[in-house]
Amino acid sequence: MQVFGNVATQPERKRSKTTSKDYFEFRLAESQRGVDTQPTWYTVRVMKEDKPLLDKGDFVKVTGKLKTDFYLSREGKPTGTLLVIAFEAAKIAKPSSVAAEVTG
């Protein structure tokens, strides 16, 4: 799957408990124009040991596999998150017409 959105948290290095390999994780907000004004939130795991060249606020394209991650919250309630196991997470430039609208 591919998702386009804004990096909402700074990518953070984590270590897999099962494989002991490092990866990076961040939150991504995908927003769409039109009727759906609420963003869809994803947790993105970039399965590479090199830190992705991304910062909070960057507009990115993420390519990977979509999974659901269910767990119990601190309050003991079942909850879940959409998780993207990313093959690629790349910053992309907004088209110049969009940039002109934002700055104009």
PDB file of N, CA and C in Angstrom:
ATOM      1  N   MET A   1       0.837  -1.181   0.000  1.00  0.00           N
ATOM      2  CA  MET A   1       0.000   0.000   0.000  1.00  0.00           C
ATOM      3  C   MET A   1       0.876   1.236   0.000  1.00  0.00           C
ATOM      4  N   GLN A   2       0.312   2.338  -0.437  1.00  0.00           N
ATOM      5  CA  GLN A   2       1.002   3.624  -0.358  1.00  0.00           C
ATOM      6  C   GLN A   2       0.105   4.590   0.394  1.00  0.00           C
ATOM      7  N   VAL A   3       0.729   5.414   1.211  1.00  0.00           N
ATOM      8  CA  VAL A   3      -0.005   6.443   1.939  1.00  0.00           C
ATOM      9  C   VAL A   3       0.816   7.724   1.890  1.00  0.00           C
ATOM     10  N   PHE A   4       0.124   8.834   1.711  1.00  0.00           N
ATOM     11  CA  PHE A   4       0.751  10.145   1.685  1.00  0.00           C
ATOM     12  C   PHE A   4       0.252  10.919   2.898  1.00  0.00           C
ATOM     13  N   GLY A   5       1.155  11.578   3.605  1.00  0.00           N
ATOM     14  CA  GLY A   5       0.720  12.344   4.768  1.00  0.00           C
ATOM     15  C   GLY A   5       1.880  13.082   5.403  1.00  0.00           C
ATOM     16  N   ASN A   6       1.611  13.630   6.580  1.00  0.00           N
ATOM     17  CA  ASN A   6       2.604  14.410   7.306  1.00  0.00           C
ATOM     18  C   ASN A   6       3.133  13.626   8.503  1.00  0.00           C
ATOM     19  N   VAL A   7       4.459  13.702   8.672  1.00  0.00           N
ATOM     20  CA  VAL A   7       5.101  13.077   9.827  1.00  0.00           C
ATOM     21  C   VAL A   7       4.652  13.838  11.072  1.00  0.00           C
ATOM     22  N   ALA A   8       4.044  13.137  12.017  1.00  0.00           N
ATOM     23  CA  ALA A   8       3.490  13.788  13.210  1.00  0.00           C
ATOM     24  C   ALA A   8       4.404  13.701  14.425  1.00  0.00           C
ATOM     25  N   THR A   9       5.322  12.736  14.425  1.00  0.00           N
ATOM     26  CA  THR A   9       6.287  12.609  15.523  1.00  0.00           C
ATOM     27  C   THR A   9       7.668  12.383  14.922  1.00  0.00           C
ATOM     28  N   GLN A  10       8.677  12.815  15.630  1.00  0.00           N
ATOM     29  CA  GLN A  10      10.054  12.621  15.164  1.00  0.00           C
ATOM     30  C   GLN A  10      10.354  11.123  15.108  1.00  0.00           C
ATOM     31  N   PRO A  11      10.935  10.609  13.995  1.00  0.00           N
ATOM     32  CA  PRO A  11      11.276   9.183  13.949  1.00  0.00           C
ATOM     33  C   PRO A  11      12.181   8.788  15.119  1.00  0.00           C
ATOM     34  N   GLU A  12      11.832   7.673  15.762  1.00  0.00           N
ATOM     35  CA  GLU A  12      12.531   7.216  16.962  1.00  0.00           C
ATOM     36  C   GLU A  12      13.094   5.816  16.732  1.00  0.00           C
ATOM     37  N   ARG A  13      14.362   5.629  17.108  1.00  0.00           N
ATOM     38  CA  ARG A  13      15.004   4.311  16.964  1.00  0.00           C
ATOM     39  C   ARG A  13      14.451   3.368  18.031  1.00  0.00           C
ATOM     40  N   LYS A  14      14.114   2.144  17.589  1.00  0.00           N
ATOM     41  CA  LYS A  14      13.654   1.104  18.503  1.00  0.00           C
ATOM     42  C   LYS A  14      14.367  -0.191  18.135  1.00  0.00           C
ATOM     43  N   ARG A  15      14.274  -1.176  19.023  1.00  0.00           N
ATOM     44  CA  ARG A  15      14.931  -2.471  18.782  1.00  0.00           C
ATOM     45  C   ARG A  15      13.887  -3.573  18.902  1.00  0.00           C
ATOM     46  N   SER A  16      13.880  -4.459  17.929  1.00  0.00           N
ATOM     47  CA  SER A  16      12.967  -5.596  17.935  1.00  0.00           C
ATOM     48  C   SER A  16      13.342  -6.556  19.064  1.00  0.00           C
ATOM     49  N   LYS A  17      12.335  -6.979  19.825  1.00  0.00           N
ATOM     50  CA  LYS A  17      12.586  -7.922  20.915  1.00  0.00           C
ATOM     51  C   LYS A  17      12.871  -9.317  20.379  1.00  0.00           C
ATOM     52  N   THR A  18      12.330  -9.651  19.215  1.00  0.00           N
ATOM     53  CA  THR A  18      12.506 -11.001  18.678  1.00  0.00           C
ATOM     54  C   THR A  18      13.772 -11.156  17.839  1.00  0.00           C
ATOM     55  N   THR A  19      14.123 -10.119  17.049  1.00  0.00           N
ATOM     56  CA  THR A  19      15.286 -10.249  16.165  1.00  0.00           C
ATOM     57  C   THR A  19      16.483  -9.427  16.626  1.00  0.00           C
ATOM     58  N   SER A  20      16.287  -8.552  17.601  1.00  0.00           N
ATOM     59  CA  SER A  20      17.324  -7.639  18.105  1.00  0.00           C
ATOM     60  C   SER A  20      17.851  -6.690  17.035  1.00  0.00           C
ATOM     61  N   LYS A  21      17.074  -6.455  15.975  1.00  0.00           N
ATOM     62  CA  LYS A  21      17.465  -5.506  14.928  1.00  0.00           C
ATOM     63  C   LYS A  21      16.812  -4.158  15.203  1.00  0.00           C
ATOM     64  N   ASP A  22      17.520  -3.084  14.828  1.00  0.00           N
ATOM     65  CA  ASP A  22      16.986  -1.742  15.000  1.00  0.00           C
ATOM     66  C   ASP A  22      16.030  -1.385  13.862  1.00  0.00           C
ATOM     67  N   TYR A  23      15.063  -0.539  14.176  1.00  0.00           N
ATOM     68  CA  TYR A  23      14.154   0.034  13.183  1.00  0.00           C
ATOM     69  C   TYR A  23      13.745   1.401  13.684  1.00  0.00           C
ATOM     70  N   PHE A  24      13.071   2.169  12.850  1.00  0.00           N
ATOM     71  CA  PHE A  24      12.611   3.495  13.236  1.00  0.00           C
ATOM     72  C   PHE A  24      11.096   3.544  13.139  1.00  0.00           C
ATOM     73  N   GLU A  25      10.495   4.270  14.078  1.00  0.00           N
ATOM     74  CA  GLU A  25       9.041   4.339  14.155  1.00  0.00           C
ATOM     75  C   GLU A  25       8.606   5.788  14.305  1.00  0.00           C
ATOM     76  N   PHE A  26       7.512   6.151  13.615  1.00  0.00           N
ATOM     77  CA  PHE A  26       6.919   7.480  13.768  1.00  0.00           C
ATOM     78  C   PHE A  26       5.425   7.401  13.474  1.00  0.00           C
ATOM     79  N   ARG A  27       4.713   8.445  13.854  1.00  0.00           N
ATOM     80  CA  ARG A  27       3.271   8.544  13.581  1.00  0.00           C
ATOM     81  C   ARG A  27       3.080   9.380  12.327  1.00  0.00           C
ATOM     82  N   LEU A  28       2.086   9.011  11.532  1.00  0.00           N
ATOM     83  CA  LEU A  28       1.792   9.675  10.271  1.00  0.00           C
ATOM     84  C   LEU A  28       0.318  10.037  10.234  1.00  0.00           C
ATOM     85  N   ALA A  29       0.023  11.270   9.844  1.00  0.00           N
ATOM     86  CA  ALA A  29      -1.360  11.726   9.696  1.00  0.00           C
ATOM     87  C   ALA A  29      -1.661  11.879   8.213  1.00  0.00           C
ATOM     88  N   GLU A  30      -2.588  11.058   7.725  1.00  0.00           N
ATOM     89  CA  GLU A  30      -3.021  11.158   6.332  1.00  0.00           C
ATOM     90  C   GLU A  30      -4.317  11.950   6.321  1.00  0.00           C
ATOM     91  N   SER A  31      -4.313  13.072   5.640  1.00  0.00           N
ATOM     92  CA  SER A  31      -5.545  13.857   5.549  1.00  0.00           C
ATOM     93  C   SER A  31      -5.948  13.961   4.090  1.00  0.00           C
ATOM     94  N   GLN A  32      -7.247  13.983   3.864  1.00  0.00           N
ATOM     95  CA  GLN A  32      -7.776  14.056   2.506  1.00  0.00           C
ATOM     96  C   GLN A  32      -8.682  15.262   2.404  1.00  0.00           C
ATOM     97  N   ARG A  33      -8.663  15.865   1.252  1.00  0.00           N
ATOM     98  CA  ARG A  33      -9.574  16.988   1.021  1.00  0.00           C
ATOM     99  C   ARG A  33     -10.972  16.445   0.761  1.00  0.00           C
ATOM    100  N   GLY A  34     -11.964  17.265   1.015  1.00  0.00           N
ATOM    101  CA  GLY A  34     -13.328  16.853   0.727  1.00  0.00           C
ATOM    102  C   GLY A  34     -14.110  16.580   1.993  1.00  0.00           C
ATOM    103  N   VAL A  35     -14.970  15.572   1.927  1.00  0.00           N
ATOM    104  CA  VAL A  35     -15.898  15.271   3.005  1.00  0.00           C
ATOM    105  C   VAL A  35     -15.183  14.822   4.276  1.00  0.00           C
ATOM    106  N   ASP A  36     -14.186  13.959   4.132  1.00  0.00           N
ATOM    107  CA  ASP A  36     -13.471  13.411   5.286  1.00  0.00           C
ATOM    108  C   ASP A  36     -12.404  14.391   5.745  1.00  0.00           C
ATOM    109  N   THR A  37     -12.723  15.177   6.764  1.00  0.00           N
ATOM    110  CA  THR A  37     -11.779  16.200   7.233  1.00  0.00           C
ATOM    111  C   THR A  37     -10.917  15.709   8.392  1.00  0.00           C
ATOM    112  N   GLN A  38     -11.240  14.556   8.975  1.00  0.00           N
ATOM    113  CA  GLN A  38     -10.448  14.005  10.073  1.00  0.00           C
ATOM    114  C   GLN A  38      -9.303  13.171   9.497  1.00  0.00           C
ATOM    115  N   PRO A  39      -8.084  13.338  10.001  1.00  0.00           N
ATOM    116  CA  PRO A  39      -6.971  12.545   9.472  1.00  0.00           C
ATOM    117  C   PRO A  39      -7.080  11.076   9.885  1.00  0.00           C
ATOM    118  N   THR A  40      -6.510  10.212   9.076  1.00  0.00           N
ATOM    119  CA  THR A  40      -6.332   8.812   9.439  1.00  0.00           C
ATOM    120  C   THR A  40      -4.917   8.688   9.979  1.00  0.00           C
ATOM    121  N   TRP A  41      -4.787   8.092  11.154  1.00  0.00           N
ATOM    122  CA  TRP A  41      -3.486   7.989  11.819  1.00  0.00           C
ATOM    123  C   TRP A  41      -2.888   6.610  11.624  1.00  0.00           C
ATOM    124  N   TYR A  42      -1.591   6.585  11.341  1.00  0.00           N
ATOM    125  CA  TYR A  42      -0.839   5.343  11.184  1.00  0.00           C
ATOM    126  C   TYR A  42       0.405   5.392  12.063  1.00  0.00           C
ATOM    127  N   THR A  43       0.821   4.232  12.539  1.00  0.00           N
ATOM    128  CA  THR A  43       2.157   4.066  13.098  1.00  0.00           C
ATOM    129  C   THR A  43       2.981   3.462  11.979  1.00  0.00           C
ATOM    130  N   VAL A  44       4.123   4.085  11.661  1.00  0.00           N
ATOM    131  CA  VAL A  44       4.966   3.621  10.566  1.00  0.00           C
ATOM    132  C   VAL A  44       6.259   3.066  11.152  1.00  0.00           C
ATOM    133  N   ARG A  45       6.598   1.847  10.755  1.00  0.00           N
ATOM    134  CA  ARG A  45       7.871   1.233  11.142  1.00  0.00           C
ATOM    135  C   ARG A  45       8.723   1.088   9.899  1.00  0.00           C
ATOM    136  N   VAL A  46       9.828   1.810   9.880  1.00  0.00           N
ATOM    137  CA  VAL A  46      10.779   1.719   8.776  1.00  0.00           C
ATOM    138  C   VAL A  46      11.805   0.671   9.187  1.00  0.00           C
ATOM    139  N   MET A  47      11.805  -0.442   8.488  1.00  0.00           N
ATOM    140  CA  MET A  47      12.610  -1.589   8.887  1.00  0.00           C
ATOM    141  C   MET A  47      14.029  -1.511   8.340  1.00  0.00           C
ATOM    142  N   LYS A  48      14.701  -0.415   8.641  1.00  0.00           N
ATOM    143  CA  LYS A  48      16.092  -0.217   8.250  1.00  0.00           C
ATOM    144  C   LYS A  48      16.850   0.313   9.454  1.00  0.00           C
ATOM    145  N   GLU A  49      18.128   0.021   9.518  1.00  0.00           N
ATOM    146  CA  GLU A  49      18.934   0.479  10.643  1.00  0.00           C
ATOM    147  C   GLU A  49      19.431   1.913  10.452  1.00  0.00           C
ATOM    148  N   ASP A  50      19.345   2.432   9.211  1.00  0.00           N
ATOM    149  CA  ASP A  50      19.751   3.813   8.946  1.00  0.00           C
ATOM    150  C   ASP A  50      18.579   4.740   9.226  1.00  0.00           C
ATOM    151  N   LYS A  51      18.856   5.834   9.937  1.00  0.00           N
ATOM    152  CA  LYS A  51      17.806   6.779  10.281  1.00  0.00           C
ATOM    153  C   LYS A  51      17.227   7.412   9.016  1.00  0.00           C
ATOM    154  N   PRO A  52      15.891   7.393   8.881  1.00  0.00           N
ATOM    155  CA  PRO A  52      15.296   8.039   7.708  1.00  0.00           C
ATOM    156  C   PRO A  52      15.507   9.557   7.792  1.00  0.00           C
ATOM    157  N   LEU A  53      15.711  10.180   6.649  1.00  0.00           N
ATOM    158  CA  LEU A  53      15.945  11.624   6.603  1.00  0.00           C
ATOM    159  C   LEU A  53      14.606  12.355   6.626  1.00  0.00           C
ATOM    160  N   LEU A  54      13.887  12.192   7.728  1.00  0.00           N
ATOM    161  CA  LEU A  54      12.566  12.778   7.898  1.00  0.00           C
ATOM    162  C   LEU A  54      12.509  13.537   9.212  1.00  0.00           C
ATOM    163  N   ASP A  55      11.727  14.608   9.206  1.00  0.00           N
ATOM    164  CA  ASP A  55      11.497  15.386  10.412  1.00  0.00           C
ATOM    165  C   ASP A  55      10.006  15.587  10.600  1.00  0.00           C
ATOM    166  N   LYS A  56       9.626  15.885  11.805  1.00  0.00           N
ATOM    167  CA  LYS A  56       8.231  16.181  12.122  1.00  0.00           C
ATOM    168  C   LYS A  56       7.747  17.301  11.198  1.00  0.00           C
ATOM    169  N   GLY A  57       6.594  17.095  10.570  1.00  0.00           N
ATOM    170  CA  GLY A  57       6.018  18.087   9.675  1.00  0.00           C
ATOM    171  C   GLY A  57       6.272  17.825   8.203  1.00  0.00           C
ATOM    172  N   ASP A  58       7.233  16.951   7.877  1.00  0.00           N
ATOM    173  CA  ASP A  58       7.535  16.642   6.475  1.00  0.00           C
ATOM    174  C   ASP A  58       6.351  15.945   5.813  1.00  0.00           C
ATOM    175  N   PHE A  59       6.128  16.252   4.531  1.00  0.00           N
ATOM    176  CA  PHE A  59       5.131  15.560   3.719  1.00  0.00           C
ATOM    177  C   PHE A  59       5.836  14.375   3.078  1.00  0.00           C
ATOM    178  N   VAL A  60       5.315  13.154   3.293  1.00  0.00           N
ATOM    179  CA  VAL A  60       6.018  11.946   2.870  1.00  0.00           C
ATOM    180  C   VAL A  60       5.111  10.977   2.124  1.00  0.00           C
ATOM    181  N   LYS A  61       5.775  10.096   1.378  1.00  0.00           N
ATOM    182  CA  LYS A  61       5.118   8.945   0.755  1.00  0.00           C
ATOM    183  C   LYS A  61       5.681   7.708   1.444  1.00  0.00           C
ATOM    184  N   VAL A  62       4.796   6.870   1.961  1.00  0.00           N
ATOM    185  CA  VAL A  62       5.205   5.640   2.631  1.00  0.00           C
ATOM    186  C   VAL A  62       4.659   4.461   1.833  1.00  0.00           C
ATOM    187  N   THR A  63       5.530   3.508   1.532  1.00  0.00           N
ATOM    188  CA  THR A  63       5.149   2.291   0.823  1.00  0.00           C
ATOM    189  C   THR A  63       5.445   1.114   1.741  1.00  0.00           C
ATOM    190  N   GLY A  64       4.452   0.246   1.912  1.00  0.00           N
ATOM    191  CA  GLY A  64       4.675  -0.892   2.786  1.00  0.00           C
ATOM    192  C   GLY A  64       3.445  -1.766   2.909  1.00  0.00           C
ATOM    193  N   LYS A  65       3.436  -2.565   3.952  1.00  0.00           N
ATOM    194  CA  LYS A  65       2.349  -3.510   4.210  1.00  0.00           C
ATOM    195  C   LYS A  65       1.515  -3.006   5.383  1.00  0.00           C
ATOM    196  N   LEU A  66       0.211  -2.964   5.208  1.00  0.00           N
ATOM    197  CA  LEU A  66      -0.701  -2.502   6.255  1.00  0.00           C
ATOM    198  C   LEU A  66      -1.092  -3.662   7.156  1.00  0.00           C
ATOM    199  N   LYS A  67      -0.979  -3.425   8.461  1.00  0.00           N
ATOM    200  CA  LYS A  67      -1.385  -4.415   9.461  1.00  0.00           C
ATOM    201  C   LYS A  67      -2.187  -3.688  10.535  1.00  0.00           C
ATOM    202  N   THR A  68      -2.875  -4.458  11.349  1.00  0.00           N
ATOM    203  CA  THR A  68      -3.519  -3.900  12.534  1.00  0.00           C
ATOM    204  C   THR A  68      -2.795  -4.440  13.748  1.00  0.00           C
ATOM    205  N   ASP A  69      -2.598  -3.588  14.724  1.00  0.00           N
ATOM    206  CA  ASP A  69      -1.875  -3.958  15.942  1.00  0.00           C
ATOM    207  C   ASP A  69      -2.835  -3.755  17.112  1.00  0.00           C
ATOM    208  N   PHE A  70      -3.319  -4.856  17.690  1.00  0.00           N
ATOM    209  CA  PHE A  70      -4.255  -4.782  18.806  1.00  0.00           C
ATOM    210  C   PHE A  70      -3.519  -5.036  20.118  1.00  0.00           C
ATOM    211  N   TYR A  71      -3.930  -4.299  21.149  1.00  0.00           N
ATOM    212  CA  TYR A  71      -3.294  -4.448  22.461  1.00  0.00           C
ATOM    213  C   TYR A  71      -4.249  -3.904  23.525  1.00  0.00           C
ATOM    214  N   LEU A  72      -3.896  -4.116  24.803  1.00  0.00           N
ATOM    215  CA  LEU A  72      -4.677  -3.567  25.908  1.00  0.00           C
ATOM    216  C   LEU A  72      -4.075  -2.220  26.306  1.00  0.00           C
ATOM    217  N   SER A  73      -4.931  -1.225  26.475  1.00  0.00           N
ATOM    218  CA  SER A  73      -4.460   0.092  26.887  1.00  0.00           C
ATOM    219  C   SER A  73      -4.047   0.066  28.359  1.00  0.00           C
ATOM    220  N   ARG A  74      -3.487   1.159  28.823  1.00  0.00           N
ATOM    221  CA  ARG A  74      -3.089   1.245  30.239  1.00  0.00           C
ATOM    222  C   ARG A  74      -4.281   1.068  31.166  1.00  0.00           C
ATOM    223  N   GLU A  75      -5.465   1.430  30.663  1.00  0.00           N
ATOM    224  CA  GLU A  75      -6.693   1.279  31.456  1.00  0.00           C
ATOM    225  C   GLU A  75      -7.258  -0.132  31.353  1.00  0.00           C
ATOM    226  N   GLY A  76      -6.598  -1.005  30.570  1.00  0.00           N
ATOM    227  CA  GLY A  76      -7.046  -2.381  30.426  1.00  0.00           C
ATOM    228  C   GLY A  76      -8.101  -2.588  29.356  1.00  0.00           C
ATOM    229  N   LYS A  77      -8.348  -1.567  28.522  1.00  0.00           N
ATOM    230  CA  LYS A  77      -9.358  -1.673  27.472  1.00  0.00           C
ATOM    231  C   LYS A  77      -8.694  -2.109  26.164  1.00  0.00           C
ATOM    232  N   PRO A  78      -9.363  -2.972  25.396  1.00  0.00           N
ATOM    233  CA  PRO A  78      -8.808  -3.360  24.096  1.00  0.00           C
ATOM    234  C   PRO A  78      -8.770  -2.153  23.161  1.00  0.00           C
ATOM    235  N   THR A  79      -7.674  -1.982  22.470  1.00  0.00           N
ATOM    236  CA  THR A  79      -7.517  -0.882  21.525  1.00  0.00           C
ATOM    237  C   THR A  79      -6.605  -1.348  20.400  1.00  0.00           C
ATOM    238  N   GLY A  80      -6.428  -0.521  19.399  1.00  0.00           N
ATOM    239  CA  GLY A  80      -5.584  -0.919  18.293  1.00  0.00           C
ATOM    240  C   GLY A  80      -5.106   0.273  17.497  1.00  0.00           C
ATOM    241  N   THR A  81      -4.199  -0.010  16.578  1.00  0.00           N
ATOM    242  CA  THR A  81      -3.667   1.037  15.718  1.00  0.00           C
ATOM    243  C   THR A  81      -3.425   0.449  14.335  1.00  0.00           C
ATOM    244  N   LEU A  82      -3.450   1.311  13.317  1.00  0.00           N
ATOM    245  CA  LEU A  82      -3.066   0.903  11.976  1.00  0.00           C
ATOM    246  C   LEU A  82      -1.556   1.006  11.885  1.00  0.00           C
ATOM    247  N   LEU A  83      -0.922  -0.059  11.475  1.00  0.00           N
ATOM    248  CA  LEU A  83       0.532  -0.143  11.442  1.00  0.00           C
ATOM    249  C   LEU A  83       0.981  -0.401  10.008  1.00  0.00           C
ATOM    250  N   VAL A  84       1.932   0.420   9.531  1.00  0.00           N
ATOM    251  CA  VAL A  84       2.515   0.208   8.211  1.00  0.00           C
ATOM    252  C   VAL A  84       3.944  -0.276   8.417  1.00  0.00           C
ATOM    253  N   ILE A  85       4.228  -1.495   7.945  1.00  0.00           N
ATOM    254  CA  ILE A  85       5.593  -2.002   7.928  1.00  0.00           C
ATOM    255  C   ILE A  85       6.179  -1.479   6.614  1.00  0.00           C
ATOM    256  N   ALA A  86       7.038  -0.461   6.715  1.00  0.00           N
ATOM    257  CA  ALA A  86       7.447   0.303   5.540  1.00  0.00           C
ATOM    258  C   ALA A  86       8.700  -0.243   4.881  1.00  0.00           C
ATOM    259  N   PHE A  87       8.618  -0.359   3.560  1.00  0.00           N
ATOM    260  CA  PHE A  87       9.782  -0.672   2.741  1.00  0.00           C
ATOM    261  C   PHE A  87      10.487   0.640   2.376  1.00  0.00           C
ATOM    262  N   GLU A  88       9.687   1.707   2.277  1.00  0.00           N
ATOM    263  CA  GLU A  88      10.206   3.012   1.883  1.00  0.00           C
ATOM    264  C   GLU A  88       9.404   4.099   2.587  1.00  0.00           C
ATOM    265  N   ALA A  89      10.099   5.128   3.035  1.00  0.00           N
ATOM    266  CA  ALA A  89       9.466   6.328   3.587  1.00  0.00           C
ATOM    267  C   ALA A  89      10.293   7.504   3.084  1.00  0.00           C
ATOM    268  N   ALA A  90       9.754   8.246   2.130  1.00  0.00           N
ATOM    269  CA  ALA A  90      10.530   9.298   1.470  1.00  0.00           C
ATOM    270  C   ALA A  90       9.808  10.636   1.523  1.00  0.00           C
ATOM    271  N   LYS A  91      10.579  11.669   1.842  1.00  0.00           N
ATOM    272  CA  LYS A  91      10.049  13.025   1.826  1.00  0.00           C
ATOM    273  C   LYS A  91       9.798  13.415   0.379  1.00  0.00           C
ATOM    274  N   ILE A  92       8.650  14.041   0.148  1.00  0.00           N
ATOM    275  CA  ILE A  92       8.358  14.520  -1.204  1.00  0.00           C
ATOM    276  C   ILE A  92       7.995  15.987  -1.129  1.00  0.00           C
ATOM    277  N   ALA A  93       8.326  16.687  -2.191  1.00  0.00           N
ATOM    278  CA  ALA A  93       8.026  18.120  -2.268  1.00  0.00           C
ATOM    279  C   ALA A  93       6.591  18.290  -2.721  1.00  0.00           C
ATOM    280  N   LYS A  94       5.921  19.260  -2.145  1.00  0.00           N
ATOM    281  CA  LYS A  94       4.574  19.569  -2.594  1.00  0.00           C
ATOM    282  C   LYS A  94       4.670  20.256  -3.951  1.00  0.00           C
ATOM    283  N   PRO A  95       3.686  20.053  -4.836  1.00  0.00           N
ATOM    284  CA  PRO A  95       3.719  20.737  -6.129  1.00  0.00           C
ATOM    285  C   PRO A  95       3.788  22.250  -5.931  1.00  0.00           C
ATOM    286  N   SER A  96       4.419  22.942  -6.864  1.00  0.00           N
ATOM    287  CA  SER A  96       4.614  24.391  -6.724  1.00  0.00           C
ATOM    288  C   SER A  96       3.296  25.144  -6.615  1.00  0.00           C
ATOM    289  N   SER A  97       2.219  24.642  -7.244  1.00  0.00           N
ATOM    290  CA  SER A  97       0.922  25.323  -7.133  1.00  0.00           C
ATOM    291  C   SER A  97       0.380  25.261  -5.711  1.00  0.00           C
ATOM    292  N   VAL A  98       0.599  24.128  -5.022  1.00  0.00           N
ATOM    293  CA  VAL A  98       0.170  24.001  -3.636  1.00  0.00           C
ATOM    294  C   VAL A  98       1.023  24.897  -2.745  1.00  0.00           C
ATOM    295  N   ALA A  99       2.333  24.920  -2.984  1.00  0.00           N
ATOM    296  CA  ALA A  99       3.231  25.760  -2.209  1.00  0.00           C
ATOM    297  C   ALA A  99       2.869  27.231  -2.364  1.00  0.00           C
ATOM    298  N   ALA A 100       2.465  27.630  -3.557  1.00  0.00           N
ATOM    299  CA  ALA A 100       2.081  29.030  -3.803  1.00  0.00           C
ATOM    300  C   ALA A 100       0.814  29.381  -3.028  1.00  0.00           C
ATOM    301  N   GLU A 101      -0.130  28.412  -2.944  1.00  0.00           N
ATOM    302  CA  GLU A 101      -1.361  28.652  -2.191  1.00  0.00           C
ATOM    303  C   GLU A 101      -1.064  28.809  -0.705  1.00  0.00           C
ATOM    304  N   VAL A 102      -0.154  27.995  -0.194  1.00  0.00           N
ATOM    305  CA  VAL A 102       0.184  28.037   1.230  1.00  0.00           C
ATOM    306  C   VAL A 102       0.883  29.342   1.590  1.00  0.00           C
ATOM    307  N   THR A 103       1.819  29.775   0.756  1.00  0.00           N
ATOM    308  CA  THR A 103       2.572  31.004   1.062  1.00  0.00           C
ATOM    309  C   THR A 103       1.836  32.257   0.619  1.00  0.00           C
ATOM    310  N   GLY A 104       0.910  32.124  -0.305  1.00  0.00           N
ATOM    311  CA  GLY A 104       0.228  33.297  -0.864  1.00  0.00           C
ATOM    312  C   GLY A 104      -0.895  33.694  -0.058  1.00  0.00           C
TER     313      GLY A 104
END
